[in-house]
Protein backbone atom coordinates (compact mmCIF):
# COMPACT_ATOMS: atom_id res chain seq x y z
CA MET A 1 62.80 79.47 49.81
CA ASP A 2 62.08 82.86 48.25
CA ARG A 3 62.09 83.03 44.48
CA PHE A 4 64.45 85.49 42.83
CA ARG A 5 62.64 88.71 41.90
CA VAL A 6 63.49 91.55 39.57
CA VAL A 7 62.11 95.06 39.11
CA PRO A 8 61.01 95.64 35.49
CA ALA A 9 61.40 99.05 33.85
CA ALA A 10 60.73 100.49 30.39
CA TYR A 11 63.03 102.98 28.62
CA VAL A 12 62.36 104.97 25.45
CA VAL A 13 65.15 106.34 23.27
CA VAL A 14 63.37 109.18 21.46
CA ARG A 15 65.31 109.79 18.26
CA ARG A 16 65.05 112.73 15.85
CA GLY A 17 67.60 112.23 13.07
CA ASP A 18 70.96 112.01 14.81
CA GLU A 19 69.65 113.43 18.09
CA VAL A 20 68.12 111.87 21.19
CA LEU A 21 65.92 113.43 23.87
CA LEU A 22 67.38 113.38 27.38
CA LEU A 23 66.16 114.41 30.83
CA LEU A 24 68.41 115.69 33.63
CA ARG A 25 67.39 113.68 36.71
CA ALA A 26 66.73 115.63 39.93
CA ASN A 27 65.18 115.03 43.36
CA THR A 28 64.52 111.31 42.75
CA GLY A 29 67.15 109.80 45.04
CA TYR A 30 68.58 107.80 42.13
CA MET A 31 71.25 109.13 39.75
CA ASP A 32 70.24 112.75 40.34
CA GLY A 33 72.39 115.05 38.20
CA TYR A 34 72.70 112.42 35.47
CA TRP A 35 71.18 112.63 31.99
CA ALA A 36 68.72 109.86 31.12
CA VAL A 37 66.16 108.77 28.57
CA PRO A 38 62.46 108.81 29.54
CA ALA A 39 61.86 105.70 31.64
CA GLY A 40 60.07 104.21 34.59
CA HIS A 41 58.94 101.11 36.40
CA VAL A 42 56.46 98.74 34.84
CA GLU A 43 53.36 98.74 37.05
CA ARG A 44 51.49 95.65 38.22
CA GLY A 45 49.31 94.29 35.41
CA GLU A 46 51.03 96.45 32.77
CA ALA A 47 53.03 95.18 29.79
CA ALA A 48 56.51 96.67 29.32
CA VAL A 49 55.51 98.26 26.00
CA GLU A 50 52.45 99.87 27.68
CA ALA A 51 54.74 101.23 30.40
CA ALA A 52 56.96 102.75 27.70
CA VAL A 53 53.98 104.54 26.15
CA ARG A 54 52.79 105.76 29.57
CA GLU A 55 56.22 106.93 30.75
CA LEU A 56 56.80 108.88 27.53
CA ARG A 57 53.48 110.68 28.03
CA GLU A 58 54.02 111.29 31.77
CA GLU A 59 57.64 112.48 31.56
CA VAL A 60 57.87 114.41 28.28
CA GLY A 61 54.29 114.80 27.01
CA LEU A 62 54.74 112.73 23.84
CA GLU A 63 52.14 110.31 22.49
CA VAL A 64 53.42 107.22 20.73
CA ASP A 65 51.63 104.20 19.33
CA VAL A 66 52.73 100.78 20.54
CA ALA A 67 53.28 99.80 16.90
CA ASP A 68 55.82 102.64 16.54
CA LEU A 69 58.03 101.45 19.40
CA VAL A 70 60.97 99.41 18.11
CA PRO A 71 62.51 97.03 20.66
CA LEU A 72 66.25 97.70 21.10
CA THR A 73 67.23 95.22 23.82
CA ALA A 74 66.34 93.83 27.21
CA MET A 75 69.00 94.31 29.88
CA HIS A 76 69.22 92.04 32.93
CA ARG A 77 71.26 93.91 35.47
CA THR A 78 72.29 93.63 39.07
CA GLY A 79 73.76 95.98 41.62
CA GLY A 80 75.54 92.93 43.02
CA ASN A 81 74.53 93.83 46.56
CA GLY A 82 71.58 91.45 47.03
CA ASP A 83 69.17 94.36 47.52
CA PRO A 84 65.96 93.50 45.61
CA ILE A 85 65.59 97.07 44.28
CA ASP A 86 68.95 96.62 42.51
CA GLU A 87 67.87 93.48 40.63
CA ARG A 88 66.47 94.72 37.30
CA VAL A 89 65.18 93.82 33.89
CA ASP A 90 65.12 96.87 31.64
CA PHE A 91 63.24 96.95 28.34
CA PHE A 92 64.66 99.50 25.88
CA PHE A 93 62.58 100.81 22.96
CA LEU A 94 63.29 103.28 20.16
CA ALA A 95 60.71 105.89 19.13
CA SER A 96 61.24 107.80 15.89
CA THR A 97 57.57 108.72 15.38
CA TRP A 98 55.34 110.46 17.92
CA ARG A 99 52.75 113.16 18.37
CA GLY A 100 53.29 116.36 20.33
CA GLU A 101 56.24 118.52 21.28
CA PRO A 102 58.53 117.39 24.11
CA ARG A 103 58.15 119.32 27.32
CA LEU A 104 59.17 118.79 30.93
CA MET A 105 56.05 117.26 32.52
CA GLU A 106 57.53 116.45 35.96
CA PRO A 107 59.74 119.40 36.97
CA GLU A 108 59.92 117.95 40.48
CA LYS A 109 61.84 114.94 39.05
CA ALA A 110 63.89 116.53 36.28
CA ALA A 111 65.89 119.74 35.99
CA GLY A 112 66.23 119.79 32.22
CA LEU A 113 65.06 118.39 28.90
CA GLU A 114 67.28 118.69 25.83
CA TRP A 115 68.00 117.19 22.42
CA TYR A 116 71.58 115.93 22.12
CA SER A 117 73.52 114.74 19.11
CA LEU A 118 74.37 111.05 19.40
CA ASP A 119 78.02 111.92 18.80
CA LYS A 120 78.02 114.63 21.52
CA LEU A 121 76.11 113.13 24.44
CA PRO A 122 76.27 114.99 27.76
CA GLU A 123 78.09 113.85 30.87
CA PRO A 124 77.28 112.25 33.13
CA LEU A 125 74.87 109.74 31.61
CA VAL A 126 73.20 106.98 33.63
CA PRO A 127 75.78 104.20 32.97
CA HIS A 128 73.52 101.37 31.81
CA GLU A 129 71.64 103.79 29.52
CA ALA A 130 74.96 105.13 28.16
CA ARG A 131 75.78 101.58 27.01
CA VAL A 132 72.57 101.38 24.97
CA LEU A 133 72.94 104.92 23.59
CA LYS A 134 76.52 104.14 22.51
CA ALA A 135 75.27 101.16 20.49
CA VAL A 136 72.53 103.33 18.93
CA ALA A 137 75.12 106.01 18.08
CA GLU A 138 77.40 103.45 16.45
CA GLY A 139 74.52 102.18 14.34
CA GLY A 140 75.11 98.63 15.43
CA GLY A 141 72.34 96.46 16.67
CA LEU A 142 72.22 95.21 20.20
CA PRO A 143 71.69 91.57 21.12
CA ALA A 144 68.09 90.80 22.10
CA VAL A 145 69.22 90.35 25.71
CA ILE A 146 72.29 91.81 27.40
CA ASP A 147 73.42 91.76 31.02
CA GLN A 148 75.28 94.16 33.25
CA GLY A 149 76.87 93.93 36.68
CA PHE A 150 77.26 90.17 36.80
CA ALA A 151 80.68 88.59 37.48
């Protein structure tokens, strides 16, 4: 019997006052045309927090210390279709301190990079990320673990 497997990913909500930094996804085959926070898969042998630091550097050119990443929530989500790529555990972090100026580092994967006010977020947003951003905007904390897509 095969054990259940999930794909881990790390997300970083980069916050400057009441604004967050968002990328417009393009040419990835997943949610292209949607706004998203910097994120990516956790690689083999890498901790989720290390993946967050790496993805922030690779996607938007920002350097952040592990100690400056504040955990927001972990989201266990499913596409409900049984496809292993749609079985996920997402680790969301908040960064309010970093070094460098944001810039589009992977223009082949993103068509835009903008700061948006938390009360005027663009449409469309990647749905599971929109849920986390809504909680950040409302100033309420998120439970340590949330789920999405389960019956």
